[in-house]
C-alpha atoms as a PDB file:
ATOM      1  CA  ALA A   1       5.628  19.718 -36.017  1.00  0.00           C
ATOM      2  CA  HIS A   2       4.162  17.149 -33.627  1.00  0.00           C
ATOM      3  CA  ALA A   3       3.020  14.873 -36.468  1.00  0.00           C
ATOM      4  CA  LEU A   4       6.411  15.082 -38.171  1.00  0.00           C
ATOM      5  CA  GLY A   5       8.141  14.346 -34.876  1.00  0.00           C
ATOM      6  CA  GLU A   6       5.992  11.250 -34.418  1.00  0.00           C
ATOM      7  CA  VAL A   7       6.841   9.966 -37.908  1.00  0.00           C
ATOM      8  CA  LEU A   8      10.572  10.521 -37.335  1.00  0.00           C
ATOM      9  CA  LYS A   9      10.368   8.797 -33.966  1.00  0.00           C
ATOM     10  CA  ALA A  10       8.712   5.772 -35.591  1.00  0.00           C
ATOM     11  CA  MET A  11      11.548   5.718 -38.147  1.00  0.00           C
ATOM     12  CA  GLY A  12      14.171   5.744 -35.401  1.00  0.00           C
ATOM     13  CA  GLU A  13      15.385   9.258 -36.269  1.00  0.00           C
ATOM     14  CA  PHE A  14      15.354  10.369 -32.652  1.00  0.00           C
ATOM     15  CA  ALA A  15      17.484  13.519 -32.918  1.00  0.00           C
ATOM     16  CA  GLU A  16      15.316  14.886 -35.722  1.00  0.00           C
ATOM     17  CA  ALA A  17      12.164  13.796 -33.899  1.00  0.00           C
ATOM     18  CA  GLU A  18      13.267  15.681 -30.788  1.00  0.00           C
ATOM     19  CA  HIS A  19      13.892  18.806 -32.884  1.00  0.00           C
ATOM     20  CA  TRP A  20      10.330  18.855 -34.229  1.00  0.00           C
ATOM     21  CA  LEU A  21       8.676  17.871 -30.955  1.00  0.00           C
ATOM     22  CA  LEU A  22      10.596  20.618 -29.209  1.00  0.00           C
ATOM     23  CA  MET A  23       9.230  23.004 -31.824  1.00  0.00           C
ATOM     24  CA  ALA A  24       5.722  21.719 -31.033  1.00  0.00           C
ATOM     25  CA  VAL A  25       6.013  22.432 -27.297  1.00  0.00           C
ATOM     26  CA  THR A  26       7.670  25.799 -27.987  1.00  0.00           C
ATOM     27  CA  ASN A  27       4.758  26.929 -30.143  1.00  0.00           C
ATOM     28  CA  ASP A  28       2.095  25.326 -27.938  1.00  0.00           C
ATOM     29  CA  PRO A  29       3.449  24.751 -24.414  1.00  0.00           C
ATOM     30  CA  HIS A  30       0.003  23.917 -22.978  1.00  0.00           C
ATOM     31  CA  THR A  31      -0.719  20.613 -24.734  1.00  0.00           C
ATOM     32  CA  PRO A  32       0.315  17.670 -22.532  1.00  0.00           C
ATOM     33  CA  LEU A  33       0.484  15.214 -25.445  1.00  0.00           C
ATOM     34  CA  TYR A  34       3.316  17.177 -27.059  1.00  0.00           C
ATOM     35  CA  TRP A  35       5.318  17.094 -23.815  1.00  0.00           C
ATOM     36  CA  LYS A  36       4.671  13.370 -23.423  1.00  0.00           C
ATOM     37  CA  ARG A  37       5.949  12.597 -26.923  1.00  0.00           C
ATOM     38  CA  LEU A  38       9.010  14.784 -26.381  1.00  0.00           C
ATOM     39  CA  ALA A  39       9.691  12.992 -23.103  1.00  0.00           C
ATOM     40  CA  GLU A  40       9.420   9.574 -24.772  1.00  0.00           C
ATOM     41  CA  VAL A  41      11.991  10.501 -27.412  1.00  0.00           C
ATOM     42  CA  ARG A  42      14.331  11.792 -24.723  1.00  0.00           C
ATOM     43  CA  LEU A  43      13.856   8.588 -22.743  1.00  0.00           C
ATOM     44  CA  ILE A  44      14.774   6.461 -25.760  1.00  0.00           C
ATOM     45  CA  SER A  45      17.752   8.738 -26.473  1.00  0.00           C
ATOM     46  CA  GLY A  46      19.145   8.345 -22.967  1.00  0.00           C
ATOM     47  CA  GLN A  47      18.447  11.901 -21.747  1.00  0.00           C
ATOM     48  CA  ALA A  48      17.178  11.092 -18.284  1.00  0.00           C
ATOM     49  CA  ASP A  49      16.966  14.552 -16.677  1.00  0.00           C
ATOM     50  CA  GLN A  50      15.377  16.134 -19.745  1.00  0.00           C
ATOM     51  CA  ALA A  51      12.932  13.242 -20.082  1.00  0.00           C
ATOM     52  CA  ALA A  52      11.923  13.509 -16.412  1.00  0.00           C
ATOM     53  CA  GLU A  53      11.324  17.245 -16.800  1.00  0.00           C
ATOM     54  CA  ALA A  54       9.121  16.727 -19.879  1.00  0.00           C
ATOM     55  CA  PHE A  55       7.185  13.842 -18.291  1.00  0.00           C
ATOM     56  CA  ARG A  56       6.573  15.966 -15.194  1.00  0.00           C
ATOM     57  CA  ARG A  57       5.375  18.855 -17.358  1.00  0.00           C
ATOM     58  CA  ALA A  58       2.962  16.585 -19.248  1.00  0.00           C
ATOM     59  CA  ALA A  59       1.527  15.298 -15.965  1.00  0.00           C
ATOM     60  CA  GLU A  60       1.157  18.827 -14.573  1.00  0.00           C
ATOM     61  CA  LEU A  61      -0.743  20.016 -17.634  1.00  0.00           C
ATOM     62  CA  ALA A  62      -3.019  16.974 -17.773  1.00  0.00           C
ATOM     63  CA  GLY A  63      -3.696  16.685 -14.047  1.00  0.00           C
ATOM     64  CA  PRO A  64      -6.043  19.599 -13.270  1.00  0.00           C
ATOM     65  CA  CYS A  65      -8.565  18.583 -15.948  1.00  0.00           C
ATOM     66  CA  ASN A  66      -8.081  14.811 -15.432  1.00  0.00           C
ATOM     67  CA  PHE A  67      -7.137  14.537 -19.115  1.00  0.00           C
ATOM     68  CA  PHE A  68      -6.829  10.860 -20.125  1.00  0.00           C
ATOM     69  CA  PRO A  69      -5.553   9.690 -16.708  1.00  0.00           C
ATOM     70  CA  HIS A  70      -4.585   6.258 -18.073  1.00  0.00           C
ATOM     71  CA  LEU A  71      -2.081   8.021 -20.360  1.00  0.00           C
ATOM     72  CA  PHE A  72      -0.896  10.896 -18.203  1.00  0.00           C
ATOM     73  CA  GLY A  73      -1.644   9.947 -14.599  1.00  0.00           C
ATOM     74  CA  MET A  74       1.579   7.980 -14.051  1.00  0.00           C
ATOM     75  CA  LEU A  75       4.032  10.257 -15.859  1.00  0.00           C
ATOM     76  CA  ASP A  76       5.253  11.836 -12.627  1.00  0.00           C
ATOM     77  CA  ASP A  77       5.173   8.536 -10.702  1.00  0.00           C
ATOM     78  CA  PRO A  78       8.692   7.158 -10.147  1.00  0.00           C
ATOM     79  CA  GLU A  79       7.337   3.636  -9.616  1.00  0.00           C
ATOM     80  CA  HIS A  80       6.037   3.619 -13.186  1.00  0.00           C
ATOM     81  CA  PHE A  81       9.544   4.254 -14.501  1.00  0.00           C
ATOM     82  CA  VAL A  82      11.038   1.651 -12.171  1.00  0.00           C
ATOM     83  CA  GLN A  83       8.691  -0.858 -13.824  1.00  0.00           C
ATOM     84  CA  VAL A  84       9.700   0.406 -17.280  1.00  0.00           C
ATOM     85  CA  GLY A  85      13.340  -0.043 -16.300  1.00  0.00           C
ATOM     86  CA  GLU A  86      12.805  -3.544 -14.949  1.00  0.00           C
ATOM     87  CA  SER A  87      10.978  -4.602 -18.121  1.00  0.00           C
ATOM     88  CA  ALA A  88      13.703  -3.125 -20.341  1.00  0.00           C
ATOM     89  CA  LEU A  89      16.405  -4.827 -18.276  1.00  0.00           C
ATOM     90  CA  ALA A  90      14.636  -8.184 -18.567  1.00  0.00           C
ATOM     91  CA  LEU A  91      14.593  -7.710 -22.353  1.00  0.00           C
ATOM     92  CA  GLY A  92      18.312  -6.872 -22.434  1.00  0.00           C
ATOM     93  CA  ARG A  93      17.767  -3.204 -23.347  1.00  0.00           C
ATOM     94  CA  LEU A  94      20.361  -1.897 -20.927  1.00  0.00           C
ATOM     95  CA  LYS A  95      20.521   1.733 -22.070  1.00  0.00           C
ATOM     96  CA  LEU A  96      16.741   2.156 -21.926  1.00  0.00           C
ATOM     97  CA  ALA A  97      16.621   0.456 -18.524  1.00  0.00           C
ATOM     98  CA  GLN A  98      19.316   2.702 -17.109  1.00  0.00           C
ATOM     99  CA  THR A  99      17.616   5.835 -18.432  1.00  0.00           C
ATOM    100  CA  ALA A 100      14.235   4.770 -17.023  1.00  0.00           C
ATOM    101  CA  PHE A 101      15.770   4.182 -13.584  1.00  0.00           C
ATOM    102  CA  LEU A 102      17.475   7.588 -13.778  1.00  0.00           C
ATOM    103  CA  VAL A 103      14.119   9.199 -14.648  1.00  0.00           C
ATOM    104  CA  ALA A 104      12.604   7.531 -11.575  1.00  0.00           C
ATOM    105  CA  LYS A 105      15.477   8.841  -9.480  1.00  0.00           C
ATOM    106  CA  ALA A 106      15.062  12.352 -10.918  1.00  0.00           C
ATOM    107  CA  LEU A 107      11.396  12.265  -9.902  1.00  0.00           C
ATOM    108  CA  ASP A 108      12.246  10.853  -6.459  1.00  0.00           C
ATOM    109  CA  PRO A 109      15.950  10.942  -5.465  1.00  0.00           C
ATOM    110  CA  GLU A 110      15.298   8.544  -2.562  1.00  0.00           C
ATOM    111  CA  ASN A 111      13.472   5.897  -4.598  1.00  0.00           C
ATOM    112  CA  ALA A 112      14.844   2.508  -3.562  1.00  0.00           C
ATOM    113  CA  GLY A 113      13.589   0.697  -6.652  1.00  0.00           C
ATOM    114  CA  ALA A 114      15.488   3.094  -8.899  1.00  0.00           C
ATOM    115  CA  GLN A 115      18.637   2.600  -6.839  1.00  0.00           C
ATOM    116  CA  ALA A 116      18.339  -1.194  -7.042  1.00  0.00           C
ATOM    117  CA  GLY A 117      17.724  -0.972 -10.785  1.00  0.00           C
ATOM    118  CA  LEU A 118      20.768   1.226 -11.350  1.00  0.00           C
ATOM    119  CA  ALA A 119      22.862  -1.223  -9.337  1.00  0.00           C
ATOM    120  CA  LEU A 120      21.696  -4.051 -11.603  1.00  0.00           C
ATOM    121  CA  CYS A 121      22.623  -1.945 -14.644  1.00  0.00           C
ATOM    122  CA  ASP A 122      26.078  -1.363 -13.151  1.00  0.00           C
ATOM    123  CA  LEU A 123      26.403  -5.088 -12.612  1.00  0.00           C
ATOM    124  CA  SER A 124      25.428  -5.795 -16.226  1.00  0.00           C
ATOM    125  CA  GLN A 125      28.160  -3.402 -17.358  1.00  0.00           C
ATOM    126  CA  GLY A 126      30.787  -5.078 -15.197  1.00  0.00           C
ATOM    127  CA  ALA A 127      30.949  -2.247 -12.639  1.00  0.00           C
ATOM    128  CA  THR A 128      30.605  -4.583  -9.658  1.00  0.00           C
ATOM    129  CA  GLU A 129      32.125  -2.238  -7.077  1.00  0.00           C
ATOM    130  CA  THR A 130      29.862   0.650  -8.104  1.00  0.00           C
ATOM    131  CA  ALA A 131      26.859  -1.674  -7.934  1.00  0.00           C
ATOM    132  CA  HIS A 132      27.720  -2.751  -4.385  1.00  0.00           C
ATOM    133  CA  GLN A 133      28.159   0.890  -3.342  1.00  0.00           C
ATOM    134  CA  ARG A 134      24.655   1.689  -4.549  1.00  0.00           C
ATOM    135  CA  ILE A 135      23.195  -1.278  -2.675  1.00  0.00           C
ATOM    136  CA  THR A 136      24.522  -0.129   0.708  1.00  0.00           C
ATOM    137  CA  SER A 137      21.805   2.549   0.775  1.00  0.00           C
ATOM    138  CA  LEU A 138      18.937   0.079   0.315  1.00  0.00           C
ATOM    139  CA  ARG A 139      16.852  -0.683   3.386  1.00  0.00           C
ATOM    140  CA  HIS A 140      13.609  -1.980   1.841  1.00  0.00           C
ATOM    141  CA  PRO A 141      13.633  -5.837   1.716  1.00  0.00           C
ATOM    142  CA  PRO A 142      11.780  -6.233  -1.642  1.00  0.00           C
ATOM    143  CA  ASP A 143      14.268  -3.892  -3.318  1.00  0.00           C
ATOM    144  CA  GLN A 144      17.178  -5.689  -1.687  1.00  0.00           C
ATOM    145  CA  ALA A 145      15.649  -8.921  -2.984  1.00  0.00           C
ATOM    146  CA  LYS A 146      15.612  -7.535  -6.547  1.00  0.00           C
ATOM    147  CA  TRP A 147      19.328  -6.869  -6.217  1.00  0.00           C
ATOM    148  CA  PHE A 148      20.108 -10.382  -4.995  1.00  0.00           C
ATOM    149  CA  ALA A 149      18.002 -11.915  -7.769  1.00  0.00           C
ATOM    150  CA  GLY A 150      19.906  -9.825 -10.308  1.00  0.00           C
ATOM    151  CA  LEU A 151      23.191 -10.799  -8.674  1.00  0.00           C
ATOM    152  CA  ALA A 152      22.197 -14.482  -8.887  1.00  0.00           C
ATOM    153  CA  LYS A 153      21.389 -14.085 -12.576  1.00  0.00           C
ATOM    154  CA  HIS A 154      24.770 -12.411 -13.117  1.00  0.00           C
ATOM    155  CA  HIS A 155      26.647 -15.233 -11.381  1.00  0.00           C
ATOM    156  CA  LEU A 156      24.671 -17.865 -13.265  1.00  0.00           C
ATOM    157  CA  ALA A 157      25.472 -16.246 -16.602  1.00  0.00           C
ATOM    158  CA  HIS A 158      29.157 -16.539 -15.711  1.00  0.00           C
ATOM    159  CA  GLY A 159      28.839 -20.176 -14.672  1.00  0.00           C
ATOM    160  CA  ASP A 160      29.267 -19.489 -10.941  1.00  0.00           C
ATOM    161  CA  VAL A 161      26.528 -21.821  -9.746  1.00  0.00           C
ATOM    162  CA  ALA A 162      27.422 -21.798  -6.044  1.00  0.00           C
ATOM    163  CA  GLU A 163      27.545 -17.987  -5.905  1.00  0.00           C
ATOM    164  CA  ALA A 164      24.260 -17.820  -7.823  1.00  0.00           C
ATOM    165  CA  GLN A 165      22.594 -20.157  -5.340  1.00  0.00           C
ATOM    166  CA  ALA A 166      23.873 -18.146  -2.354  1.00  0.00           C
ATOM    167  CA  ALA A 167      22.578 -14.857  -3.808  1.00  0.00           C
ATOM    168  CA  LEU A 168      19.287 -16.492  -4.738  1.00  0.00           C
ATOM    169  CA  ASP A 169      18.769 -17.908  -1.251  1.00  0.00           C
ATOM    170  CA  ARG A 170      19.445 -14.498   0.293  1.00  0.00           C
ATOM    171  CA  GLY A 171      16.999 -12.798  -2.060  1.00  0.00           C
ATOM    172  CA  LEU A 172      14.244 -15.288  -1.311  1.00  0.00           C
ATOM    173  CA  GLU A 173      14.748 -14.790   2.416  1.00  0.00           C
ATOM    174  CA  LEU A 174      14.078 -11.094   1.879  1.00  0.00           C
ATOM    175  CA  ASP A 175      11.128 -11.539  -0.516  1.00  0.00           C
ATOM    176  CA  PRO A 176       9.728 -15.031  -1.165  1.00  0.00           C
ATOM    177  CA  ALA A 177       7.363 -13.558  -3.788  1.00  0.00           C
ATOM    178  CA  ASN A 178      10.124 -12.301  -6.111  1.00  0.00           C
ATOM    179  CA  VAL A 179       9.171 -13.801  -9.475  1.00  0.00           C
ATOM    180  CA  LEU A 180      12.635 -13.445 -11.019  1.00  0.00           C
ATOM    181  CA  ALA A 181      14.156 -15.346  -8.090  1.00  0.00           C
ATOM    182  CA  ARG A 182      11.578 -18.113  -8.369  1.00  0.00           C
ATOM    183  CA  HIS A 183      12.246 -18.406 -12.089  1.00  0.00           C
ATOM    184  CA  LEU A 184      15.979 -18.590 -11.420  1.00  0.00           C
ATOM    185  CA  GLN A 185      15.276 -21.452  -9.029  1.00  0.00           C
ATOM    186  CA  LEU A 186      13.977 -23.399 -12.030  1.00  0.00           C
ATOM    187  CA  THR A 187      17.071 -22.563 -14.041  1.00  0.00           C
ATOM    188  CA  LEU A 188      19.432 -23.597 -11.249  1.00  0.00           C
ATOM    189  CA  ALA A 189      17.575 -26.860 -10.699  1.00  0.00           C
ATOM    190  CA  ARG A 190      17.797 -27.591 -14.427  1.00  0.00           C
ATOM    191  CA  VAL A 191      21.537 -26.797 -14.469  1.00  0.00           C
ATOM    192  CA  ARG A 192      22.025 -29.180 -11.560  1.00  0.00           C
ATOM    193  CA  ARG A 193      19.674 -31.770 -13.075  1.00  0.00           C
ATOM    194  CA  ASP A 194      17.812 -31.895  -9.789  1.00  0.00           C
ATOM    195  CA  GLY A 195      14.288 -33.071 -10.603  1.00  0.00           C
ATOM    196  CA  ARG A 196      12.979 -32.747  -7.060  1.00  0.00           C
ATOM    197  CA  ARG A 197      14.079 -29.110  -6.717  1.00  0.00           C
ATOM    198  CA  TYR A 198      12.787 -28.363 -10.210  1.00  0.00           C
ATOM    199  CA  GLY A 199       9.332 -29.629  -9.270  1.00  0.00           C
ATOM    200  CA  GLU A 200       9.329 -27.650  -6.026  1.00  0.00           C
ATOM    201  CA  ALA A 201      10.462 -24.488  -7.817  1.00  0.00           C
ATOM    202  CA  MET A 202       7.769 -24.888 -10.475  1.00  0.00           C
ATOM    203  CA  THR A 203       5.085 -25.277  -7.794  1.00  0.00           C
ATOM    204  CA  GLN A 204       6.301 -22.167  -5.949  1.00  0.00           C
ATOM    205  CA  LEU A 205       6.464 -20.118  -9.146  1.00  0.00           C
ATOM    206  CA  LEU A 206       2.975 -21.126 -10.260  1.00  0.00           C
ATOM    207  CA  ALA A 207       1.648 -20.279  -6.796  1.00  0.00           C
ATOM    208  CA  LEU A 208       2.634 -16.642  -7.414  1.00  0.00           C
END
């Protein structure tokens, strides 16, 4: 059942893959690999709560015997899924990003990175007011900086250069080491055809 589920997953048949992987964990609920594969399919399918539950179960089963910690050690770590969400968002895979951030939030309801990520997803979907409501709960400067960098990218994509610059400046005040913000500095300098600022932005980005 596990092998068939893996083949179906690779073919993009996620509903069928979940059926067989669920059969695998039903018949052998003590193998962490089966739970991990089930969780991955649920993550891809947008089932955040169910994915979080399966990831947590895989980590619980693998933990006591330190079973392949590089594969299972981070499956109950919300920061891992925040990073997955940020990578997916950077690649334009909005649904996967949103689900990953929701998994992080399910593992830790107070996780600021997950909240910032969900706000950026809202922004990408045009739900600006909802995004701003999420951001009011953020108190950690690096996570606030992620939001402002995302907001700057949003404004820039819509041709609002002045608003993008204002959001970018605010984000860099909060976290000068934010790589996305430093990269956006390059883009803004290129849009404005400002060679001096472009050179400064390149130096700052390379320094990171």
